N, C-alpha and C. Protein backbone atom coordinates (compact mmCIF):
# COMPACT_ATOMS: atom_id res chain seq x y z
N MET A 1 0.85 -1.17 0.00
CA MET A 1 0.00 0.00 0.00
C MET A 1 0.89 1.23 0.00
N VAL A 2 0.51 2.21 -0.79
CA VAL A 2 1.25 3.47 -0.88
C VAL A 2 0.27 4.61 -0.65
N LEU A 3 0.56 5.45 0.33
CA LEU A 3 -0.27 6.61 0.64
C LEU A 3 0.52 7.86 0.31
N VAL A 4 -0.09 8.75 -0.47
CA VAL A 4 0.62 9.91 -0.98
C VAL A 4 -0.12 11.20 -0.61
N ASP A 5 0.53 12.06 0.15
CA ASP A 5 0.04 13.42 0.34
C ASP A 5 0.71 14.21 -0.78
N ILE A 6 0.02 14.33 -1.91
CA ILE A 6 0.63 14.87 -3.12
C ILE A 6 1.07 16.32 -2.95
N GLU A 7 0.35 17.10 -2.17
CA GLU A 7 0.76 18.48 -1.94
C GLU A 7 2.07 18.52 -1.15
N ASN A 8 2.21 17.59 -0.22
CA ASN A 8 3.42 17.54 0.59
C ASN A 8 4.64 17.16 -0.24
N VAL A 9 4.51 16.14 -1.08
CA VAL A 9 5.69 15.67 -1.82
C VAL A 9 5.96 16.45 -3.10
N THR A 10 4.98 17.27 -3.54
CA THR A 10 5.29 18.19 -4.64
C THR A 10 5.83 19.50 -4.10
N GLY A 11 5.55 19.76 -2.82
CA GLY A 11 6.02 20.99 -2.19
C GLY A 11 5.16 22.20 -2.46
N THR A 12 3.90 21.98 -2.87
CA THR A 12 3.01 23.09 -3.16
C THR A 12 1.56 22.70 -2.88
N PRO A 13 0.75 23.64 -2.38
CA PRO A 13 -0.67 23.32 -2.14
C PRO A 13 -1.49 23.26 -3.42
N THR A 14 -0.95 23.75 -4.52
CA THR A 14 -1.67 23.72 -5.79
C THR A 14 -0.74 23.19 -6.89
N PRO A 15 -0.46 21.89 -6.84
CA PRO A 15 0.47 21.34 -7.84
C PRO A 15 -0.12 21.36 -9.24
N SER A 16 0.74 21.58 -10.21
CA SER A 16 0.33 21.52 -11.61
C SER A 16 0.33 20.07 -12.07
N THR A 17 -0.25 19.83 -13.22
CA THR A 17 -0.23 18.49 -13.80
C THR A 17 1.21 18.03 -14.00
N ILE A 18 2.06 18.92 -14.44
CA ILE A 18 3.48 18.57 -14.64
C ILE A 18 4.12 18.18 -13.32
N GLU A 19 3.86 18.93 -12.26
CA GLU A 19 4.44 18.62 -10.95
C GLU A 19 3.94 17.28 -10.42
N VAL A 20 2.66 17.00 -10.60
CA VAL A 20 2.12 15.71 -10.16
C VAL A 20 2.76 14.58 -10.97
N ASN A 21 2.83 14.73 -12.29
CA ASN A 21 3.42 13.69 -13.13
C ASN A 21 4.89 13.46 -12.80
N LEU A 22 5.65 14.54 -12.64
CA LEU A 22 7.07 14.40 -12.29
C LEU A 22 7.24 13.71 -10.94
N THR A 23 6.41 14.09 -9.98
CA THR A 23 6.51 13.48 -8.65
C THR A 23 6.14 12.00 -8.70
N MET A 24 5.08 11.65 -9.40
CA MET A 24 4.70 10.24 -9.48
C MET A 24 5.77 9.44 -10.22
N ASN A 25 6.41 10.02 -11.23
CA ASN A 25 7.51 9.32 -11.91
C ASN A 25 8.70 9.13 -10.97
N ARG A 26 8.98 10.11 -10.14
CA ARG A 26 10.05 9.97 -9.15
C ARG A 26 9.70 8.85 -8.16
N LEU A 27 8.44 8.81 -7.74
CA LEU A 27 8.02 7.77 -6.80
C LEU A 27 8.10 6.39 -7.44
N ARG A 28 7.83 6.30 -8.74
CA ARG A 28 7.97 5.00 -9.43
C ARG A 28 9.41 4.49 -9.34
N CYS A 29 10.38 5.39 -9.34
CA CYS A 29 11.79 4.99 -9.23
C CYS A 29 12.12 4.53 -7.81
N LEU A 30 11.40 5.02 -6.83
CA LEU A 30 11.69 4.72 -5.43
C LEU A 30 10.84 3.59 -4.85
N VAL A 31 9.66 3.38 -5.40
CA VAL A 31 8.74 2.37 -4.87
C VAL A 31 8.59 1.27 -5.90
N PRO A 32 9.18 0.12 -5.62
CA PRO A 32 9.05 -0.99 -6.58
C PRO A 32 7.57 -1.33 -6.82
N ARG A 33 7.23 -1.50 -8.09
CA ARG A 33 5.88 -1.91 -8.49
C ARG A 33 4.80 -0.94 -8.02
N LEU A 34 5.10 0.35 -8.03
CA LEU A 34 4.13 1.35 -7.60
C LEU A 34 2.82 1.24 -8.36
N ASP A 35 2.88 1.03 -9.65
CA ASP A 35 1.67 1.00 -10.46
C ASP A 35 0.82 -0.25 -10.22
N GLU A 36 1.38 -1.24 -9.53
CA GLU A 36 0.62 -2.43 -9.17
C GLU A 36 0.12 -2.38 -7.73
N ALA A 37 0.56 -1.39 -6.98
CA ALA A 37 0.21 -1.27 -5.57
C ALA A 37 -1.17 -0.63 -5.40
N HIS A 38 -1.71 -0.79 -4.21
CA HIS A 38 -2.92 -0.08 -3.82
C HIS A 38 -2.47 1.33 -3.43
N VAL A 39 -2.73 2.31 -4.30
CA VAL A 39 -2.25 3.68 -4.10
C VAL A 39 -3.41 4.58 -3.70
N VAL A 40 -3.20 5.34 -2.63
CA VAL A 40 -4.18 6.30 -2.16
C VAL A 40 -3.51 7.67 -2.21
N VAL A 41 -4.11 8.61 -2.95
CA VAL A 41 -3.55 9.95 -3.08
C VAL A 41 -4.53 10.93 -2.44
N ALA A 42 -4.02 11.76 -1.53
CA ALA A 42 -4.87 12.73 -0.84
C ALA A 42 -4.39 14.15 -1.13
N CYS A 43 -5.39 15.05 -1.18
CA CYS A 43 -5.10 16.46 -1.38
C CYS A 43 -6.33 17.27 -0.99
N SER A 44 -6.20 18.59 -1.05
CA SER A 44 -7.35 19.46 -0.79
C SER A 44 -8.25 19.49 -2.03
N HIS A 45 -9.44 20.04 -1.85
CA HIS A 45 -10.35 20.15 -3.00
C HIS A 45 -9.81 21.11 -4.05
N HIS A 46 -8.93 22.02 -3.65
CA HIS A 46 -8.33 22.95 -4.62
C HIS A 46 -7.46 22.21 -5.64
N ALA A 47 -6.74 21.22 -5.18
CA ALA A 47 -5.83 20.47 -6.05
C ALA A 47 -6.49 19.25 -6.68
N ALA A 48 -7.67 18.89 -6.22
CA ALA A 48 -8.31 17.64 -6.63
C ALA A 48 -8.45 17.44 -8.14
N PRO A 49 -8.95 18.40 -8.90
CA PRO A 49 -9.11 18.15 -10.34
C PRO A 49 -7.79 17.85 -11.05
N VAL A 50 -6.77 18.61 -10.73
CA VAL A 50 -5.46 18.39 -11.36
C VAL A 50 -4.91 17.03 -10.96
N VAL A 51 -4.97 16.70 -9.69
CA VAL A 51 -4.41 15.44 -9.19
C VAL A 51 -5.17 14.25 -9.77
N ALA A 52 -6.47 14.33 -9.80
CA ALA A 52 -7.27 13.22 -10.34
C ALA A 52 -7.00 13.02 -11.83
N PHE A 53 -6.83 14.10 -12.56
CA PHE A 53 -6.54 14.00 -13.99
C PHE A 53 -5.13 13.47 -14.22
N ALA A 54 -4.17 13.97 -13.45
CA ALA A 54 -2.77 13.58 -13.66
C ALA A 54 -2.48 12.16 -13.20
N TYR A 55 -3.17 11.68 -12.18
CA TYR A 55 -2.92 10.33 -11.69
C TYR A 55 -4.26 9.62 -11.46
N PRO A 56 -4.90 9.18 -12.55
CA PRO A 56 -6.26 8.63 -12.45
C PRO A 56 -6.35 7.22 -11.86
N ASN A 57 -5.26 6.49 -11.79
CA ASN A 57 -5.31 5.09 -11.38
C ASN A 57 -5.21 4.87 -9.88
N ALA A 58 -5.37 5.92 -9.11
CA ALA A 58 -5.29 5.81 -7.65
C ALA A 58 -6.67 6.01 -7.04
N ARG A 59 -6.77 5.65 -5.79
CA ARG A 59 -7.93 6.03 -5.00
C ARG A 59 -7.66 7.46 -4.54
N HIS A 60 -8.61 8.35 -4.74
CA HIS A 60 -8.42 9.76 -4.41
C HIS A 60 -9.24 10.15 -3.19
N LEU A 61 -8.59 10.87 -2.28
CA LEU A 61 -9.27 11.40 -1.10
C LEU A 61 -9.08 12.91 -1.11
N TRP A 62 -10.16 13.65 -0.87
CA TRP A 62 -10.09 15.10 -0.86
C TRP A 62 -10.58 15.60 0.49
N ARG A 63 -9.71 16.35 1.14
CA ARG A 63 -10.10 16.94 2.42
C ARG A 63 -9.31 18.24 2.56
N SER A 64 -10.02 19.30 2.77
CA SER A 64 -9.38 20.60 2.86
C SER A 64 -9.20 21.02 4.31
N GLY A 65 -8.58 22.16 4.49
CA GLY A 65 -8.32 22.68 5.82
C GLY A 65 -6.93 22.29 6.29
N PRO A 66 -6.56 22.80 7.45
CA PRO A 66 -5.23 22.47 7.98
C PRO A 66 -5.06 20.95 8.13
N ASP A 67 -4.01 20.44 7.55
CA ASP A 67 -3.70 19.01 7.62
C ASP A 67 -4.79 18.13 7.01
N GLY A 68 -5.58 18.67 6.10
CA GLY A 68 -6.70 17.91 5.53
C GLY A 68 -6.26 16.61 4.87
N ALA A 69 -5.26 16.67 4.00
CA ALA A 69 -4.80 15.45 3.33
C ALA A 69 -4.22 14.46 4.33
N ASP A 70 -3.48 14.98 5.30
CA ASP A 70 -2.90 14.11 6.34
C ASP A 70 -4.00 13.38 7.10
N ILE A 71 -5.03 14.10 7.47
CA ILE A 71 -6.13 13.50 8.25
C ILE A 71 -6.86 12.46 7.41
N ALA A 72 -7.04 12.73 6.13
CA ALA A 72 -7.69 11.74 5.26
C ALA A 72 -6.86 10.46 5.19
N LEU A 73 -5.55 10.59 5.07
CA LEU A 73 -4.68 9.41 5.02
C LEU A 73 -4.62 8.70 6.37
N LEU A 74 -4.63 9.47 7.45
CA LEU A 74 -4.66 8.85 8.78
C LEU A 74 -5.93 8.04 8.98
N ASP A 75 -7.04 8.52 8.46
CA ASP A 75 -8.30 7.76 8.55
C ASP A 75 -8.14 6.40 7.88
N VAL A 76 -7.50 6.36 6.72
CA VAL A 76 -7.26 5.09 6.04
C VAL A 76 -6.41 4.18 6.91
N LEU A 77 -5.32 4.74 7.44
CA LEU A 77 -4.38 3.93 8.22
C LEU A 77 -4.98 3.39 9.51
N THR A 78 -5.90 4.13 10.11
CA THR A 78 -6.44 3.72 11.41
C THR A 78 -7.79 3.03 11.34
N ARG A 79 -8.53 3.22 10.23
CA ARG A 79 -9.89 2.68 10.19
C ARG A 79 -10.11 1.57 9.17
N GLU A 80 -9.08 1.27 8.36
CA GLU A 80 -9.30 0.31 7.28
C GLU A 80 -8.46 -0.97 7.44
N ARG A 81 -8.10 -1.29 8.65
CA ARG A 81 -7.41 -2.55 8.96
C ARG A 81 -6.17 -2.77 8.08
N VAL A 82 -5.44 -1.71 7.86
CA VAL A 82 -4.24 -1.76 7.02
C VAL A 82 -3.24 -2.77 7.58
N HIS A 83 -3.13 -2.83 8.89
CA HIS A 83 -2.17 -3.75 9.53
C HIS A 83 -2.50 -5.21 9.27
N VAL A 84 -3.74 -5.51 8.93
CA VAL A 84 -4.15 -6.88 8.62
C VAL A 84 -4.03 -7.15 7.12
N ARG A 85 -4.26 -6.14 6.31
CA ARG A 85 -4.35 -6.31 4.86
C ARG A 85 -3.01 -6.19 4.13
N PHE A 86 -2.03 -5.49 4.72
CA PHE A 86 -0.78 -5.22 4.01
C PHE A 86 0.43 -5.54 4.87
N LYS A 87 1.47 -6.08 4.24
CA LYS A 87 2.73 -6.37 4.94
C LYS A 87 3.65 -5.16 4.93
N SER A 88 3.48 -4.31 3.92
CA SER A 88 4.30 -3.10 3.86
C SER A 88 3.46 -1.91 3.42
N VAL A 89 3.84 -0.76 3.94
CA VAL A 89 3.16 0.49 3.65
C VAL A 89 4.24 1.53 3.38
N THR A 90 4.02 2.32 2.33
CA THR A 90 4.89 3.45 2.06
C THR A 90 4.05 4.71 2.22
N ILE A 91 4.54 5.63 3.04
CA ILE A 91 3.86 6.91 3.24
C ILE A 91 4.70 7.98 2.60
N CYS A 92 4.12 8.69 1.67
CA CYS A 92 4.82 9.75 0.95
C CYS A 92 4.41 11.09 1.55
N SER A 93 5.06 11.44 2.62
CA SER A 93 4.86 12.69 3.35
C SER A 93 5.90 12.70 4.45
N GLY A 94 6.35 13.88 4.79
CA GLY A 94 7.32 13.98 5.89
C GLY A 94 6.71 14.48 7.18
N ASP A 95 5.38 14.62 7.21
CA ASP A 95 4.72 15.24 8.34
C ASP A 95 4.72 14.36 9.59
N GLY A 96 5.06 14.97 10.72
CA GLY A 96 5.13 14.27 11.99
C GLY A 96 3.80 13.73 12.48
N ILE A 97 2.69 14.19 11.92
CA ILE A 97 1.38 13.71 12.32
C ILE A 97 1.25 12.19 12.13
N PHE A 98 2.09 11.61 11.26
CA PHE A 98 2.04 10.18 10.98
C PHE A 98 2.88 9.34 11.95
N ALA A 99 3.68 9.96 12.78
CA ALA A 99 4.65 9.22 13.60
C ALA A 99 4.00 8.17 14.50
N ASP A 100 2.94 8.51 15.19
CA ASP A 100 2.33 7.55 16.11
C ASP A 100 1.77 6.34 15.39
N VAL A 101 1.04 6.57 14.30
CA VAL A 101 0.45 5.43 13.58
C VAL A 101 1.54 4.60 12.90
N VAL A 102 2.61 5.22 12.44
CA VAL A 102 3.72 4.47 11.85
C VAL A 102 4.37 3.58 12.90
N GLY A 103 4.58 4.12 14.10
CA GLY A 103 5.11 3.30 15.19
C GLY A 103 4.20 2.15 15.55
N TRP A 104 2.90 2.42 15.59
CA TRP A 104 1.92 1.38 15.90
C TRP A 104 1.92 0.30 14.82
N LEU A 105 1.95 0.70 13.55
CA LEU A 105 2.00 -0.29 12.47
C LEU A 105 3.23 -1.18 12.61
N GLY A 106 4.35 -0.58 12.99
CA GLY A 106 5.58 -1.36 13.20
C GLY A 106 5.40 -2.42 14.26
N THR A 107 4.67 -2.11 15.33
CA THR A 107 4.44 -3.11 16.38
C THR A 107 3.54 -4.24 15.90
N LYS A 108 2.80 -4.00 14.83
CA LYS A 108 1.92 -5.02 14.25
C LYS A 108 2.62 -5.81 13.14
N GLY A 109 3.92 -5.53 12.94
CA GLY A 109 4.67 -6.28 11.95
C GLY A 109 4.64 -5.71 10.54
N VAL A 110 4.11 -4.50 10.38
CA VAL A 110 4.06 -3.87 9.07
C VAL A 110 5.35 -3.09 8.84
N ASP A 111 6.01 -3.33 7.71
CA ASP A 111 7.20 -2.56 7.34
C ASP A 111 6.75 -1.24 6.75
N VAL A 112 7.13 -0.14 7.39
CA VAL A 112 6.71 1.17 6.92
C VAL A 112 7.93 1.95 6.43
N THR A 113 7.83 2.41 5.19
CA THR A 113 8.84 3.27 4.59
C THR A 113 8.21 4.65 4.41
N VAL A 114 8.99 5.68 4.66
CA VAL A 114 8.52 7.05 4.49
C VAL A 114 9.38 7.72 3.43
N ILE A 115 8.72 8.36 2.48
CA ILE A 115 9.40 9.15 1.45
C ILE A 115 8.94 10.58 1.62
N SER A 116 9.90 11.50 1.72
CA SER A 116 9.55 12.91 1.91
C SER A 116 10.45 13.78 1.05
N LEU A 117 10.13 15.06 1.03
CA LEU A 117 11.03 16.01 0.40
C LEU A 117 12.22 16.23 1.32
N GLN A 118 13.36 16.44 0.72
CA GLN A 118 14.59 16.67 1.48
C GLN A 118 14.40 17.87 2.40
N GLY A 119 14.77 17.67 3.67
CA GLY A 119 14.66 18.72 4.65
C GLY A 119 13.27 18.89 5.25
N HIS A 120 12.33 18.04 4.87
CA HIS A 120 10.96 18.15 5.36
C HIS A 120 10.49 16.90 6.10
N LEU A 121 11.42 16.07 6.54
CA LEU A 121 11.06 14.85 7.25
C LEU A 121 11.11 15.09 8.75
N SER A 122 9.99 14.91 9.40
CA SER A 122 9.89 15.06 10.85
C SER A 122 10.84 14.09 11.54
N GLY A 123 11.51 14.55 12.57
CA GLY A 123 12.40 13.69 13.34
C GLY A 123 11.67 12.51 13.96
N ARG A 124 10.48 12.76 14.49
CA ARG A 124 9.68 11.68 15.09
C ARG A 124 9.29 10.64 14.05
N LEU A 125 8.93 11.11 12.86
CA LEU A 125 8.55 10.19 11.80
C LEU A 125 9.75 9.38 11.33
N ARG A 126 10.90 10.01 11.24
CA ARG A 126 12.13 9.30 10.86
C ARG A 126 12.42 8.16 11.83
N LEU A 127 12.24 8.42 13.12
CA LEU A 127 12.50 7.39 14.13
C LEU A 127 11.46 6.28 14.11
N ALA A 128 10.23 6.60 13.76
CA ALA A 128 9.16 5.61 13.79
C ALA A 128 9.20 4.65 12.60
N ALA A 129 9.69 5.12 11.46
CA ALA A 129 9.67 4.32 10.23
C ALA A 129 10.81 3.32 10.20
N ARG A 130 10.58 2.21 9.47
CA ARG A 130 11.65 1.23 9.26
C ARG A 130 12.71 1.80 8.35
N ALA A 131 12.27 2.52 7.30
CA ALA A 131 13.20 3.11 6.34
C ALA A 131 12.66 4.46 5.89
N THR A 132 13.56 5.34 5.51
CA THR A 132 13.16 6.65 5.00
C THR A 132 13.97 6.99 3.75
N CYS A 133 13.41 7.88 2.95
CA CYS A 133 14.08 8.37 1.76
C CYS A 133 13.67 9.82 1.58
N GLU A 134 14.64 10.68 1.34
CA GLU A 134 14.34 12.09 1.11
C GLU A 134 14.66 12.45 -0.33
N MET A 135 13.66 13.01 -1.03
CA MET A 135 13.83 13.42 -2.43
C MET A 135 14.18 14.90 -2.49
N PRO A 136 15.06 15.28 -3.42
CA PRO A 136 15.29 16.71 -3.63
C PRO A 136 14.01 17.38 -4.13
N ALA A 137 13.86 18.66 -3.85
CA ALA A 137 12.69 19.40 -4.32
C ALA A 137 12.66 19.41 -5.83
N LEU A 138 11.45 19.46 -6.38
CA LEU A 138 11.28 19.53 -7.83
C LEU A 138 11.82 20.86 -8.35
N SER A 139 12.35 20.81 -9.54
CA SER A 139 12.76 22.02 -10.23
C SER A 139 12.05 22.02 -11.57
N VAL A 140 10.92 22.73 -11.61
CA VAL A 140 10.10 22.77 -12.82
C VAL A 140 10.24 24.16 -13.43
N PRO A 141 10.82 24.25 -14.62
CA PRO A 141 10.95 25.57 -15.23
C PRO A 141 9.58 26.14 -15.58
N SER A 142 9.45 27.41 -15.40
CA SER A 142 8.19 28.09 -15.73
C SER A 142 8.06 28.21 -17.24
N ALA A 143 6.86 28.05 -17.72
CA ALA A 143 6.61 28.19 -19.15
C ALA A 143 6.83 29.63 -19.61
N LEU A 144 6.83 30.56 -18.66
CA LEU A 144 7.01 31.96 -18.99
C LEU A 144 8.47 32.40 -19.04
N GLU A 145 9.37 31.58 -18.56
CA GLU A 145 10.79 31.93 -18.55
C GLU A 145 11.37 31.87 -19.94
N GLU A 146 12.27 32.77 -20.22
CA GLU A 146 12.98 32.76 -21.49
C GLU A 146 14.05 31.66 -21.46
N PRO A 147 14.23 30.91 -22.55
CA PRO A 147 15.28 29.91 -22.59
C PRO A 147 16.64 30.59 -22.47
N ALA A 148 17.58 29.91 -21.87
CA ALA A 148 18.93 30.47 -21.66
C ALA A 148 19.73 30.47 -22.94
């Protein structure tokens, strides 16, 4: 199972289609068999149309407000018997809000890997996860910039 807070791993609350596609391609390099996994992508309603269009093969959750995407993903982790259904979980977010549930999943024998943007991984989450990976921030040239 792979849970993605797309706003968190793109580094923007309103990711473009290009940013979502680039990020999902980066995750494909880091998560073996990502396209065969049960993928859940969460974001606010502001980003929902772009995210759903750019990555249609996932289960989409939309929740706005402070930590909306995080809370939507936490609901999946705590209410959908993930510890019984999956041997491994990858969480694509560096937010510390996941630390307690990641630690709990570990006690249930679930291998949890966390992928975050470089410099945005919570210390508590780093300690709770079995493995972590930090990706460099995206560098997407603006369509308005003049070529060099």
